[in-house]
Every structure is written in C-alpha cells, then in structure tokens.
Amino acid sequence: DISQLLPPIKEPEKEEDLEYGSELVSDN
C-alpha cells in the first residue's frame, strides 16, 4: 500500500543558466 511516490530532486538553476537559458536548451 504505497501512499506516496517522490519525484526526482529538482536542481536549482544557476544564474548563467537563467541568463542564457534559451541557448542552452538544445545542448541540455
């Protein structure tokens, strides 16, 4: 009887990722 299932830990975005996020989408 499984009452919860945890998702992966979401890594906080770095400032450079936020600044150049659109350019990094294809790479990551």
mmCIF file of all heavy atoms, coordinates in Angstrom:
data_MODEL
# 
_entry.id   MODEL 
# 
loop_
_atom_site.group_PDB 
_atom_site.id 
_atom_site.type_symbol 
_atom_site.label_atom_id 
_atom_site.label_alt_id 
_atom_site.label_comp_id 
_atom_site.label_asym_id 
_atom_site.label_entity_id 
_atom_site.label_seq_id 
_atom_site.pdbx_PDB_ins_code 
_atom_site.Cartn_x 
_atom_site.Cartn_y 
_atom_site.Cartn_z 
_atom_site.occupancy 
_atom_site.B_iso_or_equiv 
_atom_site.pdbx_formal_charge 
_atom_site.auth_seq_id 
_atom_site.auth_comp_id 
_atom_site.auth_asym_id 
_atom_site.auth_atom_id 
_atom_site.pdbx_PDB_model_num 
ATOM 1   N N   . ASP A 1 1  ? 0.868  -1.176 0.000   1.00 0.00 ? 1  ASP A N   1 
ATOM 2   C CA  . ASP A 1 1  ? 0.000  0.000  0.000   1.00 0.00 ? 1  ASP A CA  1 
ATOM 3   C C   . ASP A 1 1  ? 0.907  1.229  0.000   1.00 0.00 ? 1  ASP A C   1 
ATOM 4   O O   . ASP A 1 1  ? 1.362  1.684  1.046   1.00 0.00 ? 1  ASP A O   1 
ATOM 5   C CB  . ASP A 1 1  ? -0.910 -0.019 1.230   1.00 0.00 ? 1  ASP A CB  1 
ATOM 6   C CG  . ASP A 1 1  ? -2.006 1.034  1.153   1.00 0.00 ? 1  ASP A CG  1 
ATOM 7   O OD1 . ASP A 1 1  ? -1.919 1.912  0.263   1.00 0.00 ? 1  ASP A OD1 1 
ATOM 8   O OD2 . ASP A 1 1  ? -2.941 0.983  1.971   1.00 0.00 ? 1  ASP A OD2 1 
ATOM 9   N N   . ILE A 1 2  ? 1.163  1.752  -1.189  1.00 0.00 ? 2  ILE A N   1 
ATOM 10  C CA  . ILE A 1 2  ? 2.097  2.861  -1.356  1.00 0.00 ? 2  ILE A CA  1 
ATOM 11  C C   . ILE A 1 2  ? 1.319  4.172  -1.352  1.00 0.00 ? 2  ILE A C   1 
ATOM 12  O O   . ILE A 1 2  ? 0.555  4.459  -2.276  1.00 0.00 ? 2  ILE A O   1 
ATOM 13  C CB  . ILE A 1 2  ? 2.907  2.730  -2.669  1.00 0.00 ? 2  ILE A CB  1 
ATOM 14  C CG1 . ILE A 1 2  ? 3.510  1.329  -2.779  1.00 0.00 ? 2  ILE A CG1 1 
ATOM 15  C CG2 . ILE A 1 2  ? 3.973  3.797  -2.740  1.00 0.00 ? 2  ILE A CG2 1 
ATOM 16  C CD1 . ILE A 1 2  ? 4.450  0.967  -1.664  1.00 0.00 ? 2  ILE A CD1 1 
ATOM 17  N N   . SER A 1 3  ? 1.530  4.990  -0.317  1.00 0.00 ? 3  SER A N   1 
ATOM 18  C CA  . SER A 1 3  ? 0.741  6.215  -0.156  1.00 0.00 ? 3  SER A CA  1 
ATOM 19  C C   . SER A 1 3  ? 1.436  7.454  -0.699  1.00 0.00 ? 3  SER A C   1 
ATOM 20  O O   . SER A 1 3  ? 0.846  8.533  -0.714  1.00 0.00 ? 3  SER A O   1 
ATOM 21  C CB  . SER A 1 3  ? 0.409  6.427  1.330   1.00 0.00 ? 3  SER A CB  1 
ATOM 22  O OG  . SER A 1 3  ? 1.597  6.533  2.102   1.00 0.00 ? 3  SER A OG  1 
ATOM 23  N N   . GLN A 1 4  ? 2.688  7.340  -1.143  1.00 0.00 ? 4  GLN A N   1 
ATOM 24  C CA  . GLN A 1 4  ? 3.352  8.465  -1.806  1.00 0.00 ? 4  GLN A CA  1 
ATOM 25  C C   . GLN A 1 4  ? 4.491  7.939  -2.673  1.00 0.00 ? 4  GLN A C   1 
ATOM 26  O O   . GLN A 1 4  ? 5.063  6.880  -2.405  1.00 0.00 ? 4  GLN A O   1 
ATOM 27  C CB  . GLN A 1 4  ? 3.878  9.494  -0.810  1.00 0.00 ? 4  GLN A CB  1 
ATOM 28  C CG  . GLN A 1 4  ? 5.235  9.188  -0.204  1.00 0.00 ? 4  GLN A CG  1 
ATOM 29  C CD  . GLN A 1 4  ? 5.873  10.396 0.480   1.00 0.00 ? 4  GLN A CD  1 
ATOM 30  O OE1 . GLN A 1 4  ? 5.300  11.496 0.566   1.00 0.00 ? 4  GLN A OE1 1 
ATOM 31  N NE2 . GLN A 1 4  ? 7.081  10.226 0.976   1.00 0.00 ? 4  GLN A NE2 1 
ATOM 32  N N   . LEU A 1 5  ? 4.801  8.695  -3.720  1.00 0.00 ? 5  LEU A N   1 
ATOM 33  C CA  . LEU A 1 5  ? 5.935  8.397  -4.591  1.00 0.00 ? 5  LEU A CA  1 
ATOM 34  C C   . LEU A 1 5  ? 6.663  9.715  -4.860  1.00 0.00 ? 5  LEU A C   1 
ATOM 35  O O   . LEU A 1 5  ? 6.075  10.656 -5.386  1.00 0.00 ? 5  LEU A O   1 
ATOM 36  C CB  . LEU A 1 5  ? 5.460  7.759  -5.899  1.00 0.00 ? 5  LEU A CB  1 
ATOM 37  C CG  . LEU A 1 5  ? 4.942  6.321  -5.764  1.00 0.00 ? 5  LEU A CG  1 
ATOM 38  C CD1 . LEU A 1 5  ? 4.185  5.907  -7.016  1.00 0.00 ? 5  LEU A CD1 1 
ATOM 39  C CD2 . LEU A 1 5  ? 6.086  5.359  -5.498  1.00 0.00 ? 5  LEU A CD2 1 
ATOM 40  N N   . LEU A 1 6  ? 7.926  9.770  -4.488  1.00 0.00 ? 6  LEU A N   1 
ATOM 41  C CA  . LEU A 1 6  ? 8.680  11.025 -4.586  1.00 0.00 ? 6  LEU A CA  1 
ATOM 42  C C   . LEU A 1 6  ? 9.246  11.219 -5.994  1.00 0.00 ? 6  LEU A C   1 
ATOM 43  O O   . LEU A 1 6  ? 9.749  10.275 -6.606  1.00 0.00 ? 6  LEU A O   1 
ATOM 44  C CB  . LEU A 1 6  ? 9.824  11.037 -3.572  1.00 0.00 ? 6  LEU A CB  1 
ATOM 45  C CG  . LEU A 1 6  ? 9.418  10.965 -2.102  1.00 0.00 ? 6  LEU A CG  1 
ATOM 46  C CD1 . LEU A 1 6  ? 10.655 10.905 -1.220  1.00 0.00 ? 6  LEU A CD1 1 
ATOM 47  C CD2 . LEU A 1 6  ? 8.550  12.159 -1.718  1.00 0.00 ? 6  LEU A CD2 1 
ATOM 48  N N   . PRO A 1 7  ? 9.189  12.447 -6.509  1.00 0.00 ? 7  PRO A N   1 
ATOM 49  C CA  . PRO A 1 7  ? 9.804  12.752 -7.807  1.00 0.00 ? 7  PRO A CA  1 
ATOM 50  C C   . PRO A 1 7  ? 11.300 13.006 -7.631  1.00 0.00 ? 7  PRO A C   1 
ATOM 51  O O   . PRO A 1 7  ? 11.792 13.096 -6.498  1.00 0.00 ? 7  PRO A O   1 
ATOM 52  C CB  . PRO A 1 7  ? 9.076  14.036 -8.225  1.00 0.00 ? 7  PRO A CB  1 
ATOM 53  C CG  . PRO A 1 7  ? 8.784  14.713 -6.921  1.00 0.00 ? 7  PRO A CG  1 
ATOM 54  C CD  . PRO A 1 7  ? 8.500  13.612 -5.927  1.00 0.00 ? 7  PRO A CD  1 
ATOM 55  N N   . PRO A 1 8  ? 12.040 13.133 -8.728  1.00 0.00 ? 8  PRO A N   1 
ATOM 56  C CA  . PRO A 1 8  ? 13.471 13.462 -8.613  1.00 0.00 ? 8  PRO A CA  1 
ATOM 57  C C   . PRO A 1 8  ? 13.669 14.828 -7.965  1.00 0.00 ? 8  PRO A C   1 
ATOM 58  O O   . PRO A 1 8  ? 12.787 15.685 -8.002  1.00 0.00 ? 8  PRO A O   1 
ATOM 59  C CB  . PRO A 1 8  ? 13.954 13.461 -10.072 1.00 0.00 ? 8  PRO A CB  1 
ATOM 60  C CG  . PRO A 1 8  ? 12.912 12.720 -10.824 1.00 0.00 ? 8  PRO A CG  1 
ATOM 61  C CD  . PRO A 1 8  ? 11.616 12.947 -10.115 1.00 0.00 ? 8  PRO A CD  1 
ATOM 62  N N   . ILE A 1 9  ? 14.839 15.017 -7.381  1.00 0.00 ? 9  ILE A N   1 
ATOM 63  C CA  . ILE A 1 9  ? 15.169 16.317 -6.799  1.00 0.00 ? 9  ILE A CA  1 
ATOM 64  C C   . ILE A 1 9  ? 15.452 17.298 -7.922  1.00 0.00 ? 9  ILE A C   1 
ATOM 65  O O   . ILE A 1 9  ? 16.243 17.028 -8.829  1.00 0.00 ? 9  ILE A O   1 
ATOM 66  C CB  . ILE A 1 9  ? 16.394 16.210 -5.865  1.00 0.00 ? 9  ILE A CB  1 
ATOM 67  C CG1 . ILE A 1 9  ? 16.052 15.350 -4.654  1.00 0.00 ? 9  ILE A CG1 1 
ATOM 68  C CG2 . ILE A 1 9  ? 16.856 17.591 -5.423  1.00 0.00 ? 9  ILE A CG2 1 
ATOM 69  C CD1 . ILE A 1 9  ? 17.212 15.134 -3.714  1.00 0.00 ? 9  ILE A CD1 1 
ATOM 70  N N   . LYS A 1 10 ? 14.781 18.428 -7.857  1.00 0.00 ? 10 LYS A N   1 
ATOM 71  C CA  . LYS A 1 10 ? 14.956 19.447 -8.884  1.00 0.00 ? 10 LYS A CA  1 
ATOM 72  C C   . LYS A 1 10 ? 16.150 20.321 -8.532  1.00 0.00 ? 10 LYS A C   1 
ATOM 73  O O   . LYS A 1 10 ? 16.181 20.979 -7.499  1.00 0.00 ? 10 LYS A O   1 
ATOM 74  C CB  . LYS A 1 10 ? 13.688 20.302 -8.994  1.00 0.00 ? 10 LYS A CB  1 
ATOM 75  C CG  . LYS A 1 10 ? 13.710 21.289 -10.140 1.00 0.00 ? 10 LYS A CG  1 
ATOM 76  C CD  . LYS A 1 10 ? 12.381 22.036 -10.220 1.00 0.00 ? 10 LYS A CD  1 
ATOM 77  C CE  . LYS A 1 10 ? 12.386 23.033 -11.375 1.00 0.00 ? 10 LYS A CE  1 
ATOM 78  N NZ  . LYS A 1 10 ? 11.100 23.769 -11.453 1.00 0.00 ? 10 LYS A NZ  1 
ATOM 79  N N   . GLU A 1 11 ? 17.150 20.300 -9.402  1.00 0.00 ? 11 GLU A N   1 
ATOM 80  C CA  . GLU A 1 11 ? 18.346 21.099 -9.171  1.00 0.00 ? 11 GLU A CA  1 
ATOM 81  C C   . GLU A 1 11 ? 18.050 22.584 -9.382  1.00 0.00 ? 11 GLU A C   1 
ATOM 82  O O   . GLU A 1 11 ? 17.408 22.956 -10.370 1.00 0.00 ? 11 GLU A O   1 
ATOM 83  C CB  . GLU A 1 11 ? 19.473 20.676 -10.126 1.00 0.00 ? 11 GLU A CB  1 
ATOM 84  C CG  . GLU A 1 11 ? 19.970 19.265 -9.897  1.00 0.00 ? 11 GLU A CG  1 
ATOM 85  C CD  . GLU A 1 11 ? 20.730 19.126 -8.596  1.00 0.00 ? 11 GLU A CD  1 
ATOM 86  O OE1 . GLU A 1 11 ? 21.176 20.169 -8.057  1.00 0.00 ? 11 GLU A OE1 1 
ATOM 87  O OE2 . GLU A 1 11 ? 20.856 18.002 -8.093  1.00 0.00 ? 11 GLU A OE2 1 
ATOM 88  N N   . PRO A 1 12 ? 18.482 23.453 -8.474  1.00 0.00 ? 12 PRO A N   1 
ATOM 89  C CA  . PRO A 1 12 ? 18.270 24.897 -8.670  1.00 0.00 ? 12 PRO A CA  1 
ATOM 90  C C   . PRO A 1 12 ? 19.051 25.404 -9.874  1.00 0.00 ? 12 PRO A C   1 
ATOM 91  O O   . PRO A 1 12 ? 20.185 24.992 -10.122 1.00 0.00 ? 12 PRO A O   1 
ATOM 92  C CB  . PRO A 1 12 ? 18.800 25.503 -7.364  1.00 0.00 ? 12 PRO A CB  1 
ATOM 93  C CG  . PRO A 1 12 ? 19.756 24.497 -6.829  1.00 0.00 ? 12 PRO A CG  1 
ATOM 94  C CD  . PRO A 1 12 ? 19.231 23.157 -7.231  1.00 0.00 ? 12 PRO A CD  1 
ATOM 95  N N   . GLU A 1 13 ? 18.417 26.273 -10.626 1.00 0.00 ? 13 GLU A N   1 
ATOM 96  C CA  . GLU A 1 13 ? 19.063 26.820 -11.818 1.00 0.00 ? 13 GLU A CA  1 
ATOM 97  C C   . GLU A 1 13 ? 20.110 27.856 -11.444 1.00 0.00 ? 13 GLU A C   1 
ATOM 98  O O   . GLU A 1 13 ? 19.910 28.684 -10.556 1.00 0.00 ? 13 GLU A O   1 
ATOM 99  C CB  . GLU A 1 13 ? 18.015 27.445 -12.737 1.00 0.00 ? 13 GLU A CB  1 
ATOM 100 C CG  . GLU A 1 13 ? 17.038 26.430 -13.323 1.00 0.00 ? 13 GLU A CG  1 
ATOM 101 C CD  . GLU A 1 13 ? 16.072 27.110 -14.288 1.00 0.00 ? 13 GLU A CD  1 
ATOM 102 O OE1 . GLU A 1 13 ? 15.874 28.342 -14.146 1.00 0.00 ? 13 GLU A OE1 1 
ATOM 103 O OE2 . GLU A 1 13 ? 15.529 26.428 -15.164 1.00 0.00 ? 13 GLU A OE2 1 
ATOM 104 N N   . LYS A 1 14 ? 21.245 27.760 -12.121 1.00 0.00 ? 14 LYS A N   1 
ATOM 105 C CA  . LYS A 1 14 ? 22.304 28.736 -11.885 1.00 0.00 ? 14 LYS A CA  1 
ATOM 106 C C   . LYS A 1 14 ? 21.989 30.034 -12.617 1.00 0.00 ? 14 LYS A C   1 
ATOM 107 O O   . LYS A 1 14 ? 21.213 30.068 -13.568 1.00 0.00 ? 14 LYS A O   1 
ATOM 108 C CB  . LYS A 1 14 ? 23.630 28.163 -12.381 1.00 0.00 ? 14 LYS A CB  1 
ATOM 109 C CG  . LYS A 1 14 ? 24.034 26.876 -11.676 1.00 0.00 ? 14 LYS A CG  1 
ATOM 110 C CD  . LYS A 1 14 ? 25.328 26.344 -12.265 1.00 0.00 ? 14 LYS A CD  1 
ATOM 111 C CE  . LYS A 1 14 ? 25.714 25.021 -11.588 1.00 0.00 ? 14 LYS A CE  1 
ATOM 112 N NZ  . LYS A 1 14 ? 26.968 24.473 -12.171 1.00 0.00 ? 14 LYS A NZ  1 
ATOM 113 N N   . GLU A 1 15 ? 22.635 31.109 -12.169 1.00 0.00 ? 15 GLU A N   1 
ATOM 114 C CA  . GLU A 1 15 ? 22.372 32.417 -12.772 1.00 0.00 ? 15 GLU A CA  1 
ATOM 115 C C   . GLU A 1 15 ? 22.713 32.435 -14.254 1.00 0.00 ? 15 GLU A C   1 
ATOM 116 O O   . GLU A 1 15 ? 21.984 33.002 -15.063 1.00 0.00 ? 15 GLU A O   1 
ATOM 117 C CB  . GLU A 1 15 ? 23.179 33.495 -12.044 1.00 0.00 ? 15 GLU A CB  1 
ATOM 118 C CG  . GLU A 1 15 ? 22.724 33.725 -10.602 1.00 0.00 ? 15 GLU A CG  1 
ATOM 119 C CD  . GLU A 1 15 ? 23.476 34.874 -9.958  1.00 0.00 ? 15 GLU A CD  1 
ATOM 120 O OE1 . GLU A 1 15 ? 24.258 35.533 -10.683 1.00 0.00 ? 15 GLU A OE1 1 
ATOM 121 O OE2 . GLU A 1 15 ? 23.277 35.110 -8.756  1.00 0.00 ? 15 GLU A OE2 1 
ATOM 122 N N   . GLU A 1 16 ? 23.808 31.765 -14.622 1.00 0.00 ? 16 GLU A N   1 
ATOM 123 C CA  . GLU A 1 16 ? 24.177 31.781 -16.042 1.00 0.00 ? 16 GLU A CA  1 
ATOM 124 C C   . GLU A 1 16 ? 23.180 30.980 -16.872 1.00 0.00 ? 16 GLU A C   1 
ATOM 125 O O   . GLU A 1 16 ? 22.932 31.295 -18.036 1.00 0.00 ? 16 GLU A O   1 
ATOM 126 C CB  . GLU A 1 16 ? 25.596 31.238 -16.243 1.00 0.00 ? 16 GLU A CB  1 
ATOM 127 C CG  . GLU A 1 16 ? 25.834 29.833 -15.684 1.00 0.00 ? 16 GLU A CG  1 
ATOM 128 C CD  . GLU A 1 16 ? 26.370 29.892 -14.267 1.00 0.00 ? 16 GLU A CD  1 
ATOM 129 O OE1 . GLU A 1 16 ? 26.104 30.909 -13.581 1.00 0.00 ? 16 GLU A OE1 1 
ATOM 130 O OE2 . GLU A 1 16 ? 27.060 28.946 -13.861 1.00 0.00 ? 16 GLU A OE2 1 
ATOM 131 N N   . ASP A 1 17 ? 22.576 29.933 -16.249 1.00 0.00 ? 17 ASP A N   1 
ATOM 132 C CA  . ASP A 1 17 ? 21.569 29.167 -16.969 1.00 0.00 ? 17 ASP A CA  1 
ATOM 133 C C   . ASP A 1 17 ? 20.323 30.006 -17.199 1.00 0.00 ? 17 ASP A C   1 
ATOM 134 O O   . ASP A 1 17 ? 19.676 29.921 -18.248 1.00 0.00 ? 17 ASP A O   1 
ATOM 135 C CB  . ASP A 1 17 ? 21.197 27.910 -16.185 1.00 0.00 ? 17 ASP A CB  1 
ATOM 136 C CG  . ASP A 1 17 ? 22.350 26.916 -16.144 1.00 0.00 ? 17 ASP A CG  1 
ATOM 137 O OD1 . ASP A 1 17 ? 23.271 27.076 -16.968 1.00 0.00 ? 17 ASP A OD1 1 
ATOM 138 O OD2 . ASP A 1 17 ? 22.326 26.000 -15.295 1.00 0.00 ? 17 ASP A OD2 1 
ATOM 139 N N   . LEU A 1 18 ? 19.973 30.814 -16.183 1.00 0.00 ? 18 LEU A N   1 
ATOM 140 C CA  . LEU A 1 18 ? 18.817 31.687 -16.337 1.00 0.00 ? 18 LEU A CA  1 
ATOM 141 C C   . LEU A 1 18 ? 19.057 32.743 -17.403 1.00 0.00 ? 18 LEU A C   1 
ATOM 142 O O   . LEU A 1 18 ? 18.169 33.098 -18.165 1.00 0.00 ? 18 LEU A O   1 
ATOM 143 C CB  . LEU A 1 18 ? 18.488 32.353 -14.992 1.00 0.00 ? 18 LEU A CB  1 
ATOM 144 C CG  . LEU A 1 18 ? 17.997 31.416 -13.872 1.00 0.00 ? 18 LEU A CG  1 
ATOM 145 C CD1 . LEU A 1 18 ? 17.891 32.181 -12.562 1.00 0.00 ? 18 LEU A CD1 1 
ATOM 146 C CD2 . LEU A 1 18 ? 16.658 30.811 -14.242 1.00 0.00 ? 18 LEU A CD2 1 
ATOM 147 N N   . GLU A 1 19 ? 20.295 33.252 -17.450 1.00 0.00 ? 19 GLU A N   1 
ATOM 148 C CA  . GLU A 1 19 ? 20.625 34.326 -18.386 1.00 0.00 ? 19 GLU A CA  1 
ATOM 149 C C   . GLU A 1 19 ? 20.684 33.822 -19.817 1.00 0.00 ? 19 GLU A C   1 
ATOM 150 O O   . GLU A 1 19 ? 20.242 34.487 -20.753 1.00 0.00 ? 19 GLU A O   1 
ATOM 151 C CB  . GLU A 1 19 ? 21.959 34.948 -17.984 1.00 0.00 ? 19 GLU A CB  1 
ATOM 152 C CG  . GLU A 1 19 ? 22.328 36.164 -18.830 1.00 0.00 ? 19 GLU A CG  1 
ATOM 153 C CD  . GLU A 1 19 ? 23.608 36.797 -18.348 1.00 0.00 ? 19 GLU A CD  1 
ATOM 154 O OE1 . GLU A 1 19 ? 24.123 36.375 -17.279 1.00 0.00 ? 19 GLU A OE1 1 
ATOM 155 O OE2 . GLU A 1 19 ? 24.088 37.733 -19.025 1.00 0.00 ? 19 GLU A OE2 1 
ATOM 156 N N   . TYR A 1 20 ? 21.236 32.607 -19.990 1.00 0.00 ? 20 TYR A N   1 
ATOM 157 C CA  . TYR A 1 20 ? 21.390 32.090 -21.341 1.00 0.00 ? 20 TYR A CA  1 
ATOM 158 C C   . TYR A 1 20 ? 20.562 30.813 -21.541 1.00 0.00 ? 20 TYR A C   1 
ATOM 159 O O   . TYR A 1 20 ? 20.933 29.924 -22.307 1.00 0.00 ? 20 TYR A O   1 
ATOM 160 C CB  . TYR A 1 20 ? 22.871 31.750 -21.599 1.00 0.00 ? 20 TYR A CB  1 
ATOM 161 C CG  . TYR A 1 20 ? 23.786 32.920 -21.410 1.00 0.00 ? 20 TYR A CG  1 
ATOM 162 C CD1 . TYR A 1 20 ? 24.589 33.016 -20.269 1.00 0.00 ? 20 TYR A CD1 1 
ATOM 163 C CD2 . TYR A 1 20 ? 23.824 33.946 -22.354 1.00 0.00 ? 20 TYR A CD2 1 
ATOM 164 C CE1 . TYR A 1 20 ? 25.423 34.099 -20.085 1.00 0.00 ? 20 TYR A CE1 1 
ATOM 165 C CE2 . TYR A 1 20 ? 24.667 35.028 -22.177 1.00 0.00 ? 20 TYR A CE2 1 
ATOM 166 C CZ  . TYR A 1 20 ? 25.471 35.109 -21.041 1.00 0.00 ? 20 TYR A CZ  1 
ATOM 167 O OH  . TYR A 1 20 ? 26.293 36.170 -20.857 1.00 0.00 ? 20 TYR A OH  1 
ATOM 168 N N   . GLY A 1 21 ? 19.418 30.754 -20.811 1.00 0.00 ? 21 GLY A N   1 
ATOM 169 C CA  . GLY A 1 21 ? 18.600 29.552 -20.839 1.00 0.00 ? 21 GLY A CA  1 
ATOM 170 C C   . GLY A 1 21 ? 18.177 29.124 -22.214 1.00 0.00 ? 21 GLY A C   1 
ATOM 171 O O   . GLY A 1 21 ? 18.251 27.951 -22.590 1.00 0.00 ? 21 GLY A O   1 
ATOM 172 N N   . SER A 1 22 ? 17.757 30.074 -23.057 1.00 0.00 ? 22 SER A N   1 
ATOM 173 C CA  . SER A 1 22 ? 17.263 29.720 -24.389 1.00 0.00 ? 22 SER A CA  1 
ATOM 174 C C   . SER A 1 22 ? 18.340 29.107 -25.249 1.00 0.00 ? 22 SER A C   1 
ATOM 175 O O   . SER A 1 22 ? 18.083 28.277 -26.112 1.00 0.00 ? 22 SER A O   1 
ATOM 176 C CB  . SER A 1 22 ? 16.674 30.969 -25.071 1.00 0.00 ? 22 SER A CB  1 
ATOM 177 O OG  . SER A 1 22 ? 17.672 31.974 -25.181 1.00 0.00 ? 22 SER A OG  1 
ATOM 178 N N   . GLU A 1 23 ? 19.594 29.516 -25.024 1.00 0.00 ? 23 GLU A N   1 
ATOM 179 C CA  . GLU A 1 23 ? 20.686 28.989 -25.832 1.00 0.00 ? 23 GLU A CA  1 
ATOM 180 C C   . GLU A 1 23 ? 21.100 27.598 -25.354 1.00 0.00 ? 23 GLU A C   1 
ATOM 181 O O   . GLU A 1 23 ? 21.646 26.804 -26.125 1.00 0.00 ? 23 GLU A O   1 
ATOM 182 C CB  . GLU A 1 23 ? 21.889 29.936 -25.746 1.00 0.00 ? 23 GLU A CB  1 
ATOM 183 C CG  . GLU A 1 23 ? 21.595 31.335 -26.278 1.00 0.00 ? 23 GLU A CG  1 
ATOM 184 C CD  . GLU A 1 23 ? 22.795 32.262 -26.089 1.00 0.00 ? 23 GLU A CD  1 
ATOM 185 O OE1 . GLU A 1 23 ? 23.859 31.729 -25.709 1.00 0.00 ? 23 GLU A OE1 1 
ATOM 186 O OE2 . GLU A 1 23 ? 22.658 33.464 -26.303 1.00 0.00 ? 23 GLU A OE2 1 
ATOM 187 N N   . LEU A 1 24 ? 20.823 27.280 -24.064 1.00 0.00 ? 24 LEU A N   1 
ATOM 188 C CA  . LEU A 1 24 ? 21.271 26.016 -23.501 1.00 0.00 ? 24 LEU A CA  1 
ATOM 189 C C   . LEU A 1 24 ? 20.258 24.899 -23.657 1.00 0.00 ? 24 LEU A C   1 
ATOM 190 O O   . LEU A 1 24 ? 20.568 23.734 -23.395 1.00 0.00 ? 24 LEU A O   1 
ATOM 191 C CB  . LEU A 1 24 ? 21.577 26.191 -22.009 1.00 0.00 ? 24 LEU A CB  1 
ATOM 192 C CG  . LEU A 1 24 ? 22.737 27.139 -21.678 1.00 0.00 ? 24 LEU A CG  1 
ATOM 193 C CD1 . LEU A 1 24 ? 22.803 27.329 -20.173 1.00 0.00 ? 24 LEU A CD1 1 
ATOM 194 C CD2 . LEU A 1 24 ? 24.055 26.585 -22.206 1.00 0.00 ? 24 LEU A CD2 1 
ATOM 195 N N   . VAL A 1 25 ? 19.058 25.210 -24.097 1.00 0.00 ? 25 VAL A N   1 
ATOM 196 C CA  . VAL A 1 25 ? 18.013 24.212 -24.189 1.00 0.00 ? 25 VAL A CA  1 
ATOM 197 C C   . VAL A 1 25 ? 18.426 23.069 -25.105 1.00 0.00 ? 25 VAL A C   1 
ATOM 198 O O   . VAL A 1 25 ? 18.336 21.892 -24.775 1.00 0.00 ? 25 VAL A O   1 
ATOM 199 C CB  . VAL A 1 25 ? 16.685 24.835 -24.676 1.00 0.00 ? 25 VAL A CB  1 
ATOM 200 C CG1 . VAL A 1 25 ? 15.696 23.746 -25.040 1.00 0.00 ? 25 VAL A CG1 1 
ATOM 201 C CG2 . VAL A 1 25 ? 16.110 25.730 -23.603 1.00 0.00 ? 25 VAL A CG2 1 
ATOM 202 N N   . SER A 1 26 ? 18.924 23.395 -26.274 1.00 0.00 ? 26 SER A N   1 
ATOM 203 C CA  . SER A 1 26 ? 19.279 22.367 -27.239 1.00 0.00 ? 26 SER A CA  1 
ATOM 204 C C   . SER A 1 26 ? 20.449 21.524 -26.760 1.00 0.00 ? 26 SER A C   1 
ATOM 205 O O   . SER A 1 26 ? 20.538 20.337 -27.059 1.00 0.00 ? 26 SER A O   1 
ATOM 206 C CB  . SER A 1 26 ? 19.621 23.008 -28.591 1.00 0.00 ? 26 SER A CB  1 
ATOM 207 O OG  . SER A 1 26 ? 20.696 23.918 -28.434 1.00 0.00 ? 26 SER A OG  1 
ATOM 208 N N   . ASP A 1 27 ? 21.362 22.134 -25.998 1.00 0.00 ? 27 ASP A N   1 
ATOM 209 C CA  . ASP A 1 27 ? 22.523 21.396 -25.523 1.00 0.00 ? 27 ASP A CA  1 
ATOM 210 C C   . ASP A 1 27 ? 22.165 20.441 -24.390 1.00 0.00 ? 27 ASP A C   1 
ATOM 211 O O   . ASP A 1 27 ? 22.760 19.383 -24.245 1.00 0.00 ? 27 ASP A O   1 
ATOM 212 C CB  . ASP A 1 27 ? 23.602 22.372 -25.024 1.00 0.00 ? 27 ASP A CB  1 
ATOM 213 C CG  . ASP A 1 27 ? 24.124 23.253 -26.152 1.00 0.00 ? 27 ASP A CG  1 
ATOM 214 O OD1 . ASP A 1 27 ? 24.058 22.797 -27.317 1.00 0.00 ? 27 ASP A OD1 1 
ATOM 215 O OD2 . ASP A 1 27 ? 24.570 24.375 -25.859 1.00 0.00 ? 27 ASP A OD2 1 
ATOM 216 N N   . ASN A 1 28 ? 21.158 20.801 -23.569 1.00 0.00 ? 28 ASN A N   1 
ATOM 217 C CA  . ASN A 1 28 ? 20.842 20.025 -22.379 1.00 0.00 ? 28 ASN A CA  1 
ATOM 218 C C   . ASN A 1 28 ? 19.526 19.267 -22.483 1.00 0.00 ? 28 ASN A C   1 
ATOM 219 O O   . ASN A 1 28 ? 19.023 18.752 -21.498 1.00 0.00 ? 28 ASN A O   1 
ATOM 220 C CB  . ASN A 1 28 ? 20.774 20.954 -21.144 1.00 0.00 ? 28 ASN A CB  1 
ATOM 221 C CG  . ASN A 1 28 ? 22.101 21.643 -20.877 1.00 0.00 ? 28 ASN A CG  1 
ATOM 222 O OD1 . ASN A 1 28 ? 23.147 21.119 -21.222 1.00 0.00 ? 28 ASN A OD1 1 
ATOM 223 N ND2 . ASN A 1 28 ? 22.027 22.813 -20.265 1.00 0.00 ? 28 ASN A ND2 1 
# 
